[in-house]
């Protein structure tokens, strides 16, 4: 997938820093395409977390926060991830922009 079509969450930037994958130019490359975590995203996160708890399959907070970001921004139902064993969250289809 062409990088100019991708958006990135501030949460992803934090994950990249933790995993030491963070490149200094990533913020510059995505400067107009960085999504913040706002109230709507946090409220949607609460809904997704409650849904996953009810099914007995709670998801990590970071996964549901990223899914909430994609859902709130109506990003064509896609969430890019490099985790191949990720389970479906909400109504999102997962794509892997790295491969």
PDB file of N, CA and C in Angstrom:
ATOM      1  N   UNK A   1       0.841  -1.164   0.000  1.00  0.00           N
ATOM      2  CA  UNK A   1       0.000   0.000   0.000  1.00  0.00           C
ATOM      3  C   UNK A   1       0.894   1.238   0.000  1.00  0.00           C
ATOM      4  N   UNK A   2       0.512   2.219  -0.775  1.00  0.00           N
ATOM      5  CA  UNK A   2       1.294   3.450  -0.876  1.00  0.00           C
ATOM      6  C   UNK A   2       1.220   4.243   0.428  1.00  0.00           C
ATOM      7  N   UNK A   3       2.365   4.658   0.925  1.00  0.00           N
ATOM      8  CA  UNK A   3       2.437   5.343   2.217  1.00  0.00           C
ATOM      9  C   UNK A   3       1.590   6.608   2.255  1.00  0.00           C
ATOM     10  N   UNK A   4       1.465   7.310   1.154  1.00  0.00           N
ATOM     11  CA  UNK A   4       0.702   8.562   1.147  1.00  0.00           C
ATOM     12  C   UNK A   4      -0.780   8.345   1.421  1.00  0.00           C
ATOM     13  N   UNK A   5      -1.241   7.104   1.327  1.00  0.00           N
ATOM     14  CA  UNK A   5      -2.642   6.786   1.604  1.00  0.00           C
ATOM     15  C   UNK A   5      -2.877   6.385   3.054  1.00  0.00           C
ATOM     16  N   UNK A   6      -1.810   6.213   3.813  1.00  0.00           N
ATOM     17  CA  UNK A   6      -1.920   5.726   5.185  1.00  0.00           C
ATOM     18  C   UNK A   6      -2.033   6.865   6.186  1.00  0.00           C
ATOM     19  N   UNK A   7      -2.780   6.602   7.252  1.00  0.00           N
ATOM     20  CA  UNK A   7      -2.866   7.488   8.411  1.00  0.00           C
ATOM     21  C   UNK A   7      -2.231   6.747   9.571  1.00  0.00           C
ATOM     22  N   UNK A   8      -1.792   7.484  10.574  1.00  0.00           N
ATOM     23  CA  UNK A   8      -1.188   6.844  11.734  1.00  0.00           C
ATOM     24  C   UNK A   8      -1.755   7.486  12.994  1.00  0.00           C
ATOM     25  N   UNK A   9      -1.948   6.675  14.003  1.00  0.00           N
ATOM     26  CA  UNK A   9      -2.432   7.158  15.295  1.00  0.00           C
ATOM     27  C   UNK A   9      -1.252   7.591  16.160  1.00  0.00           C
ATOM     28  N   UNK A  10      -1.500   8.568  17.017  1.00  0.00           N
ATOM     29  CA  UNK A  10      -0.467   8.939  17.992  1.00  0.00           C
ATOM     30  C   UNK A  10      -0.114   7.736  18.851  1.00  0.00           C
ATOM     31  N   UNK A  11      -1.065   6.838  19.054  1.00  0.00           N
ATOM     32  CA  UNK A  11      -0.817   5.626  19.836  1.00  0.00           C
ATOM     33  C   UNK A  11       0.189   4.722  19.127  1.00  0.00           C
ATOM     34  N   UNK A  12       0.086   4.645  17.823  1.00  0.00           N
ATOM     35  CA  UNK A  12       1.029   3.851  17.043  1.00  0.00           C
ATOM     36  C   UNK A  12       2.436   4.429  17.151  1.00  0.00           C
ATOM     37  N   UNK A  13       2.532   5.746  17.134  1.00  0.00           N
ATOM     38  CA  UNK A  13       3.850   6.372  17.289  1.00  0.00           C
ATOM     39  C   UNK A  13       4.468   5.976  18.625  1.00  0.00           C
ATOM     40  N   UNK A  14       3.642   5.911  19.665  1.00  0.00           N
ATOM     41  CA  UNK A  14       4.133   5.452  20.963  1.00  0.00           C
ATOM     42  C   UNK A  14       4.586   4.008  20.920  1.00  0.00           C
ATOM     43  N   UNK A  15       3.810   3.152  20.252  1.00  0.00           N
ATOM     44  CA  UNK A  15       4.199   1.747  20.129  1.00  0.00           C
ATOM     45  C   UNK A  15       5.504   1.598  19.347  1.00  0.00           C
ATOM     46  N   UNK A  16       5.649   2.371  18.291  1.00  0.00           N
ATOM     47  CA  UNK A  16       6.885   2.314  17.512  1.00  0.00           C
ATOM     48  C   UNK A  16       8.083   2.716  18.363  1.00  0.00           C
ATOM     49  N   UNK A  17       7.898   3.689  19.220  1.00  0.00           N
ATOM     50  CA  UNK A  17       8.990   4.127  20.098  1.00  0.00           C
ATOM     51  C   UNK A  17       9.332   3.018  21.085  1.00  0.00           C
ATOM     52  N   UNK A  18       8.317   2.371  21.649  1.00  0.00           N
ATOM     53  CA  UNK A  18       8.549   1.273  22.598  1.00  0.00           C
ATOM     54  C   UNK A  18       9.323   0.144  21.926  1.00  0.00           C
ATOM     55  N   UNK A  19       8.926  -0.203  20.719  1.00  0.00           N
ATOM     56  CA  UNK A  19       9.544  -1.322  19.995  1.00  0.00           C
ATOM     57  C   UNK A  19      10.855  -0.936  19.313  1.00  0.00           C
ATOM     58  N   UNK A  20      11.272   0.300  19.496  1.00  0.00           N
ATOM     59  CA  UNK A  20      12.515   0.812  18.895  1.00  0.00           C
ATOM     60  C   UNK A  20      12.481   0.756  17.365  1.00  0.00           C
ATOM     61  N   UNK A  21      11.279   0.808  16.788  1.00  0.00           N
ATOM     62  CA  UNK A  21      11.135   0.871  15.338  1.00  0.00           C
ATOM     63  C   UNK A  21      10.962   2.314  14.887  1.00  0.00           C
ATOM     64  N   UNK A  22      10.857   3.210  15.842  1.00  0.00           N
ATOM     65  CA  UNK A  22      10.575   4.613  15.560  1.00  0.00           C
ATOM     66  C   UNK A  22      11.733   5.237  14.798  1.00  0.00           C
ATOM     67  N   UNK A  23      11.439   5.753  13.644  1.00  0.00           N
ATOM     68  CA  UNK A  23      12.437   6.469  12.857  1.00  0.00           C
ATOM     69  C   UNK A  23      12.199   7.957  13.067  1.00  0.00           C
ATOM     70  N   UNK A  24      13.251   8.710  13.151  1.00  0.00           N
ATOM     71  CA  UNK A  24      13.125  10.139  13.432  1.00  0.00           C
ATOM     72  C   UNK A  24      12.262  10.871  12.405  1.00  0.00           C
ATOM     73  N   UNK A  25      12.240  10.404  11.176  1.00  0.00           N
ATOM     74  CA  UNK A  25      11.479  11.117  10.154  1.00  0.00           C
ATOM     75  C   UNK A  25      10.020  10.684  10.048  1.00  0.00           C
ATOM     76  N   UNK A  26       9.585   9.745  10.875  1.00  0.00           N
ATOM     77  CA  UNK A  26       8.212   9.240  10.749  1.00  0.00           C
ATOM     78  C   UNK A  26       7.186  10.342  11.018  1.00  0.00           C
ATOM     79  N   UNK A  27       7.442  11.206  11.978  1.00  0.00           N
ATOM     80  CA  UNK A  27       6.508  12.301  12.264  1.00  0.00           C
ATOM     81  C   UNK A  27       6.454  13.259  11.078  1.00  0.00           C
ATOM     82  N   UNK A  28       7.585  13.558  10.503  1.00  0.00           N
ATOM     83  CA  UNK A  28       7.609  14.438   9.330  1.00  0.00           C
ATOM     84  C   UNK A  28       6.898  13.791   8.145  1.00  0.00           C
ATOM     85  N   UNK A  29       7.106  12.499   7.956  1.00  0.00           N
ATOM     86  CA  UNK A  29       6.475  11.799   6.829  1.00  0.00           C
ATOM     87  C   UNK A  29       4.962  11.760   6.954  1.00  0.00           C
ATOM     88  N   UNK A  30       4.448  11.697   8.185  1.00  0.00           N
ATOM     89  CA  UNK A  30       3.007  11.592   8.409  1.00  0.00           C
ATOM     90  C   UNK A  30       2.412  12.874   8.991  1.00  0.00           C
ATOM     91  N   UNK A  31       3.103  13.999   8.910  1.00  0.00           N
ATOM     92  CA  UNK A  31       2.718  15.201   9.649  1.00  0.00           C
ATOM     93  C   UNK A  31       1.262  15.627   9.458  1.00  0.00           C
ATOM     94  N   UNK A  32       0.676  15.460   8.327  1.00  0.00           N
ATOM     95  CA  UNK A  32      -0.736  15.822   8.107  1.00  0.00           C
ATOM     96  C   UNK A  32      -1.673  14.629   8.250  1.00  0.00           C
ATOM     97  N   UNK A  33      -1.119  13.483   8.642  1.00  0.00           N
ATOM     98  CA  UNK A  33      -1.922  12.259   8.682  1.00  0.00           C
ATOM     99  C   UNK A  33      -1.776  11.531  10.008  1.00  0.00           C
ATOM    100  N   UNK A  34      -1.618  12.286  11.102  1.00  0.00           N
ATOM    101  CA  UNK A  34      -1.514  11.712  12.443  1.00  0.00           C
ATOM    102  C   UNK A  34      -2.830  11.953  13.166  1.00  0.00           C
ATOM    103  N   UNK A  35      -3.453  10.864  13.609  1.00  0.00           N
ATOM    104  CA  UNK A  35      -4.751  10.945  14.286  1.00  0.00           C
ATOM    105  C   UNK A  35      -4.562  10.942  15.796  1.00  0.00           C
ATOM    106  N   UNK A  36      -5.188  11.900  16.459  1.00  0.00           N
ATOM    107  CA  UNK A  36      -5.127  11.983  17.921  1.00  0.00           C
ATOM    108  C   UNK A  36      -6.204  11.113  18.544  1.00  0.00           C
ATOM    109  N   UNK A  37      -6.024  10.806  19.809  1.00  0.00           N
ATOM    110  CA  UNK A  37      -7.059  10.094  20.576  1.00  0.00           C
ATOM    111  C   UNK A  37      -7.890  11.159  21.284  1.00  0.00           C
ATOM    112  N   UNK A  38      -9.150  11.302  20.871  1.00  0.00           N
ATOM    113  CA  UNK A  38     -10.009  12.322  21.456  1.00  0.00           C
ATOM    114  C   UNK A  38     -11.157  11.678  22.232  1.00  0.00           C
ATOM    115  N   UNK A  39     -12.095  12.492  22.686  1.00  0.00           N
ATOM    116  CA  UNK A  39     -13.207  11.993  23.492  1.00  0.00           C
ATOM    117  C   UNK A  39     -14.032  10.949  22.747  1.00  0.00           C
ATOM    118  N   UNK A  40     -14.356  11.196  21.481  1.00  0.00           N
ATOM    119  CA  UNK A  40     -15.155  10.231  20.716  1.00  0.00           C
ATOM    120  C   UNK A  40     -14.454   8.879  20.617  1.00  0.00           C
ATOM    121  N   UNK A  41     -13.161   8.907  20.411  1.00  0.00           N
ATOM    122  CA  UNK A  41     -12.395   7.663  20.324  1.00  0.00           C
ATOM    123  C   UNK A  41     -12.397   6.942  21.665  1.00  0.00           C
ATOM    124  N   UNK A  42     -12.229   7.689  22.741  1.00  0.00           N
ATOM    125  CA  UNK A  42     -12.227   7.068  24.071  1.00  0.00           C
ATOM    126  C   UNK A  42     -13.586   6.476  24.426  1.00  0.00           C
ATOM    127  N   UNK A  43     -14.659   7.154  24.043  1.00  0.00           N
ATOM    128  CA  UNK A  43     -15.995   6.609  24.305  1.00  0.00           C
ATOM    129  C   UNK A  43     -16.237   5.344  23.487  1.00  0.00           C
ATOM    130  N   UNK A  44     -15.819   5.348  22.225  1.00  0.00           N
ATOM    131  CA  UNK A  44     -15.957   4.151  21.385  1.00  0.00           C
ATOM    132  C   UNK A  44     -15.100   3.021  21.936  1.00  0.00           C
ATOM    133  N   UNK A  45     -13.917   3.353  22.460  1.00  0.00           N
ATOM    134  CA  UNK A  45     -13.046   2.361  23.088  1.00  0.00           C
ATOM    135  C   UNK A  45     -13.765   1.690  24.252  1.00  0.00           C
ATOM    136  N   UNK A  46     -14.467   2.480  25.070  1.00  0.00           N
ATOM    137  CA  UNK A  46     -15.221   1.904  26.179  1.00  0.00           C
ATOM    138  C   UNK A  46     -16.260   0.910  25.694  1.00  0.00           C
ATOM    139  N   UNK A  47     -16.944   1.246  24.596  1.00  0.00           N
ATOM    140  CA  UNK A  47     -17.945   0.338  24.023  1.00  0.00           C
ATOM    141  C   UNK A  47     -17.294  -0.951  23.524  1.00  0.00           C
ATOM    142  N   UNK A  48     -16.207  -0.822  22.779  1.00  0.00           N
ATOM    143  CA  UNK A  48     -15.524  -2.018  22.258  1.00  0.00           C
ATOM    144  C   UNK A  48     -14.983  -2.890  23.381  1.00  0.00           C
ATOM    145  N   UNK A  49     -14.441  -2.250  24.404  1.00  0.00           N
ATOM    146  CA  UNK A  49     -13.907  -3.009  25.540  1.00  0.00           C
ATOM    147  C   UNK A  49     -15.011  -3.763  26.256  1.00  0.00           C
ATOM    148  N   UNK A  50     -16.149  -3.105  26.448  1.00  0.00           N
ATOM    149  CA  UNK A  50     -17.286  -3.760  27.102  1.00  0.00           C
ATOM    150  C   UNK A  50     -17.784  -4.934  26.265  1.00  0.00           C
ATOM    151  N   UNK A  51     -17.856  -4.746  24.940  1.00  0.00           N
ATOM    152  CA  UNK A  51     -18.292  -5.830  24.051  1.00  0.00           C
ATOM    153  C   UNK A  51     -17.353  -7.029  24.154  1.00  0.00           C
ATOM    154  N   UNK A  52     -16.061  -6.778  24.153  1.00  0.00           N
ATOM    155  CA  UNK A  52     -15.113  -7.897  24.208  1.00  0.00           C
ATOM    156  C   UNK A  52     -15.140  -8.582  25.571  1.00  0.00           C
ATOM    157  N   UNK A  53     -15.376  -7.823  26.626  1.00  0.00           N
ATOM    158  CA  UNK A  53     -15.514  -8.420  27.966  1.00  0.00           C
ATOM    159  C   UNK A  53     -16.733  -9.342  28.015  1.00  0.00           C
ATOM    160  N   UNK A  54     -17.844  -8.897  27.422  1.00  0.00           N
ATOM    161  CA  UNK A  54     -19.079  -9.694  27.427  1.00  0.00           C
ATOM    162  C   UNK A  54     -18.903 -11.019  26.700  1.00  0.00           C
ATOM    163  N   UNK A  55     -18.073 -11.033  25.665  1.00  0.00           N
ATOM    164  CA  UNK A  55     -17.863 -12.270  24.909  1.00  0.00           C
ATOM    165  C   UNK A  55     -16.856 -13.184  25.589  1.00  0.00           C
ATOM    166  N   UNK A  56     -16.253 -12.699  26.672  1.00  0.00           N
ATOM    167  CA  UNK A  56     -15.261 -13.505  27.370  1.00  0.00           C
ATOM    168  C   UNK A  56     -13.896 -13.494  26.713  1.00  0.00           C
ATOM    169  N   UNK A  57     -13.717 -12.599  25.739  1.00  0.00           N
ATOM    170  CA  UNK A  57     -12.430 -12.487  25.045  1.00  0.00           C
ATOM    171  C   UNK A  57     -11.944 -11.041  25.092  1.00  0.00           C
ATOM    172  N   UNK A  58     -11.526 -10.594  26.275  1.00  0.00           N
ATOM    173  CA  UNK A  58     -11.058  -9.208  26.365  1.00  0.00           C
ATOM    174  C   UNK A  58      -9.826  -8.985  25.488  1.00  0.00           C
ATOM    175  N   UNK A  59      -9.751  -7.816  24.908  1.00  0.00           N
ATOM    176  CA  UNK A  59      -8.639  -7.459  24.028  1.00  0.00           C
ATOM    177  C   UNK A  59      -7.711  -6.484  24.752  1.00  0.00           C
ATOM    178  N   UNK A  60      -6.449  -6.460  24.382  1.00  0.00           N
ATOM    179  CA  UNK A  60      -5.542  -5.460  24.954  1.00  0.00           C
ATOM    180  C   UNK A  60      -6.054  -4.043  24.661  1.00  0.00           C
ATOM    181  N   UNK A  61      -5.876  -3.153  25.607  1.00  0.00           N
ATOM    182  CA  UNK A  61      -6.377  -1.782  25.467  1.00  0.00           C
ATOM    183  C   UNK A  61      -5.846  -1.109  24.204  1.00  0.00           C
ATOM    184  N   UNK A  62      -4.576  -1.301  23.890  1.00  0.00           N
ATOM    185  CA  UNK A  62      -4.014  -0.637  22.712  1.00  0.00           C
ATOM    186  C   UNK A  62      -4.708  -1.101  21.439  1.00  0.00           C
ATOM    187  N   UNK A  63      -5.045  -2.387  21.348  1.00  0.00           N
ATOM    188  CA  UNK A  63      -5.734  -2.901  20.159  1.00  0.00           C
ATOM    189  C   UNK A  63      -7.108  -2.266  19.996  1.00  0.00           C
ATOM    190  N   UNK A  64      -7.860  -2.183  21.094  1.00  0.00           N
ATOM    191  CA  UNK A  64      -9.202  -1.618  20.997  1.00  0.00           C
ATOM    192  C   UNK A  64      -9.164  -0.098  20.833  1.00  0.00           C
ATOM    193  N   UNK A  65      -8.145   0.561  21.366  1.00  0.00           N
ATOM    194  CA  UNK A  65      -8.003   2.005  21.127  1.00  0.00           C
ATOM    195  C   UNK A  65      -7.704   2.287  19.655  1.00  0.00           C
ATOM    196  N   UNK A  66      -6.835   1.493  19.057  1.00  0.00           N
ATOM    197  CA  UNK A  66      -6.534   1.674  17.635  1.00  0.00           C
ATOM    198  C   UNK A  66      -7.753   1.348  16.772  1.00  0.00           C
ATOM    199  N   UNK A  67      -8.468   0.294  17.129  1.00  0.00           N
ATOM    200  CA  UNK A  67      -9.688  -0.049  16.398  1.00  0.00           C
ATOM    201  C   UNK A  67     -10.713   1.069  16.526  1.00  0.00           C
ATOM    202  N   UNK A  68     -10.841   1.638  17.709  1.00  0.00           N
ATOM    203  CA  UNK A  68     -11.774   2.744  17.928  1.00  0.00           C
ATOM    204  C   UNK A  68     -11.408   3.950  17.074  1.00  0.00           C
ATOM    205  N   UNK A  69     -10.129   4.211  16.943  1.00  0.00           N
ATOM    206  CA  UNK A  69      -9.671   5.324  16.105  1.00  0.00           C
ATOM    207  C   UNK A  69     -10.121   5.119  14.665  1.00  0.00           C
ATOM    208  N   UNK A  70      -9.920   3.916  14.144  1.00  0.00           N
ATOM    209  CA  UNK A  70     -10.330   3.618  12.768  1.00  0.00           C
ATOM    210  C   UNK A  70     -11.842   3.721  12.608  1.00  0.00           C
ATOM    211  N   UNK A  71     -12.595   3.205  13.572  1.00  0.00           N
ATOM    212  CA  UNK A  71     -14.054   3.242  13.480  1.00  0.00           C
ATOM    213  C   UNK A  71     -14.594   4.665  13.555  1.00  0.00           C
ATOM    214  N   UNK A  72     -14.091   5.454  14.488  1.00  0.00           N
ATOM    215  CA  UNK A  72     -14.573   6.831  14.648  1.00  0.00           C
ATOM    216  C   UNK A  72     -14.273   7.664  13.400  1.00  0.00           C
ATOM    217  N   UNK A  73     -13.137   7.416  12.787  1.00  0.00           N
ATOM    218  CA  UNK A  73     -12.768   8.176  11.595  1.00  0.00           C
ATOM    219  C   UNK A  73     -13.314   7.551  10.311  1.00  0.00           C
ATOM    220  N   UNK A  74     -14.138   6.499  10.462  1.00  0.00           N
ATOM    221  CA  UNK A  74     -14.776   5.849   9.318  1.00  0.00           C
ATOM    222  C   UNK A  74     -13.756   5.535   8.213  1.00  0.00           C
ATOM    223  N   UNK A  75     -12.715   4.833   8.597  1.00  0.00           N
ATOM    224  CA  UNK A  75     -11.612   4.549   7.682  1.00  0.00           C
ATOM    225  C   UNK A  75     -11.848   3.282   6.865  1.00  0.00           C
ATOM    226  N   UNK A  76     -12.967   3.238   6.193  1.00  0.00           N
ATOM    227  CA  UNK A  76     -13.306   2.128   5.294  1.00  0.00           C
ATOM    228  C   UNK A  76     -13.197   0.772   5.967  1.00  0.00           C
ATOM    229  N   UNK A  77     -13.355   0.762   7.271  1.00  0.00           N
ATOM    230  CA  UNK A  77     -13.354  -0.510   7.976  1.00  0.00           C
ATOM    231  C   UNK A  77     -12.014  -1.201   8.032  1.00  0.00           C
ATOM    232  N   UNK A  78     -10.923  -0.484   7.796  1.00  0.00           N
ATOM    233  CA  UNK A  78      -9.609  -1.131   7.781  1.00  0.00           C
ATOM    234  C   UNK A  78      -8.712  -0.643   8.906  1.00  0.00           C
ATOM    235  N   UNK A  79      -7.960  -1.565   9.435  1.00  0.00           N
ATOM    236  CA  UNK A  79      -6.957  -1.265  10.450  1.00  0.00           C
ATOM    237  C   UNK A  79      -5.678  -1.967  10.043  1.00  0.00           C
ATOM    238  N   UNK A  80      -4.640  -1.204   9.816  1.00  0.00           N
ATOM    239  CA  UNK A  80      -3.363  -1.800   9.435  1.00  0.00           C
ATOM    240  C   UNK A  80      -2.638  -2.327  10.657  1.00  0.00           C
ATOM    241  N   UNK A  81      -2.154  -3.542  10.562  1.00  0.00           N
ATOM    242  CA  UNK A  81      -1.406  -4.143  11.659  1.00  0.00           C
ATOM    243  C   UNK A  81      -0.406  -5.134  11.097  1.00  0.00           C
ATOM    244  N   UNK A  82       0.682  -5.318  11.821  1.00  0.00           N
ATOM    245  CA  UNK A  82       1.637  -6.343  11.392  1.00  0.00           C
ATOM    246  C   UNK A  82       1.451  -7.628  12.184  1.00  0.00           C
ATOM    247  N   UNK A  83       0.477  -7.645  13.093  1.00  0.00           N
ATOM    248  CA  UNK A  83       0.202  -8.851  13.871  1.00  0.00           C
ATOM    249  C   UNK A  83      -0.756  -9.744  13.098  1.00  0.00           C
ATOM    250  N   UNK A  84      -0.240 -10.809  12.550  1.00  0.00           N
ATOM    251  CA  UNK A  84      -1.063 -11.691  11.715  1.00  0.00           C
ATOM    252  C   UNK A  84      -2.112 -12.455  12.503  1.00  0.00           C
ATOM    253  N   UNK A  85      -1.870 -12.649  13.788  1.00  0.00           N
ATOM    254  CA  UNK A  85      -2.826 -13.431  14.579  1.00  0.00           C
ATOM    255  C   UNK A  85      -3.834 -12.549  15.308  1.00  0.00           C
ATOM    256  N   UNK A  86      -3.921 -11.285  14.926  1.00  0.00           N
ATOM    257  CA  UNK A  86      -4.918 -10.406  15.544  1.00  0.00           C
ATOM    258  C   UNK A  86      -6.315 -10.919  15.252  1.00  0.00           C
ATOM    259  N   UNK A  87      -7.153 -10.855  16.255  1.00  0.00           N
ATOM    260  CA  UNK A  87      -8.544 -11.241  16.073  1.00  0.00           C
ATOM    261  C   UNK A  87      -9.333 -10.045  15.571  1.00  0.00           C
ATOM    262  N   UNK A  88     -10.450 -10.323  14.953  1.00  0.00           N
ATOM    263  CA  UNK A  88     -11.297  -9.252  14.455  1.00  0.00           C
ATOM    264  C   UNK A  88     -11.811  -8.428  15.628  1.00  0.00           C
ATOM    265  N   UNK A  89     -11.747  -7.131  15.482  1.00  0.00           N
ATOM    266  CA  UNK A  89     -12.245  -6.215  16.502  1.00  0.00           C
ATOM    267  C   UNK A  89     -13.297  -5.338  15.858  1.00  0.00           C
ATOM    268  N   UNK A  90     -14.466  -5.316  16.447  1.00  0.00           N
ATOM    269  CA  UNK A  90     -15.531  -4.505  15.874  1.00  0.00           C
ATOM    270  C   UNK A  90     -15.849  -4.977  14.472  1.00  0.00           C
ATOM    271  N   UNK A  91     -16.051  -4.031  13.586  1.00  0.00           N
ATOM    272  CA  UNK A  91     -16.365  -4.362  12.192  1.00  0.00           C
ATOM    273  C   UNK A  91     -15.192  -4.037  11.272  1.00  0.00           C
ATOM    274  N   UNK A  92     -13.999  -4.183  11.772  1.00  0.00           N
ATOM    275  CA  UNK A  92     -12.817  -3.819  11.002  1.00  0.00           C
ATOM    276  C   UNK A  92     -12.226  -5.007  10.270  1.00  0.00           C
ATOM    277  N   UNK A  93     -11.808  -4.765   9.049  1.00  0.00           N
ATOM    278  CA  UNK A  93     -10.992  -5.723   8.321  1.00  0.00           C
ATOM    279  C   UNK A  93      -9.554  -5.297   8.551  1.00  0.00           C
ATOM    280  N   UNK A  94      -8.691  -6.264   8.763  1.00  0.00           N
ATOM    281  CA  UNK A  94      -7.292  -5.927   9.006  1.00  0.00           C
ATOM    282  C   UNK A  94      -6.488  -6.081   7.722  1.00  0.00           C
ATOM    283  N   UNK A  95      -5.608  -5.140   7.515  1.00  0.00           N
ATOM    284  CA  UNK A  95      -4.667  -5.235   6.410  1.00  0.00           C
ATOM    285  C   UNK A  95      -3.272  -5.117   6.997  1.00  0.00           C
ATOM    286  N   UNK A  96      -2.291  -5.588   6.276  1.00  0.00           N
ATOM    287  CA  UNK A  96      -0.919  -5.473   6.734  1.00  0.00           C
ATOM    288  C   UNK A  96      -0.172  -4.597   5.736  1.00  0.00           C
ATOM    289  N   UNK A  97       0.020  -3.314   6.059  1.00  0.00           N
ATOM    290  CA  UNK A  97       0.669  -2.419   5.104  1.00  0.00           C
ATOM    291  C   UNK A  97       2.164  -2.672   4.962  1.00  0.00           C
ATOM    292  N   UNK A  98       2.717  -3.530   5.807  1.00  0.00           N
ATOM    293  CA  UNK A  98       4.155  -3.773   5.773  1.00  0.00           C
ATOM    294  C   UNK A  98       4.547  -4.885   4.818  1.00  0.00           C
ATOM    295  N   UNK A  99       3.587  -5.677   4.383  1.00  0.00           N
ATOM    296  CA  UNK A  99       3.903  -6.814   3.516  1.00  0.00           C
ATOM    297  C   UNK A  99       3.140  -6.727   2.221  1.00  0.00           C
TER     298      UNK A  99
END
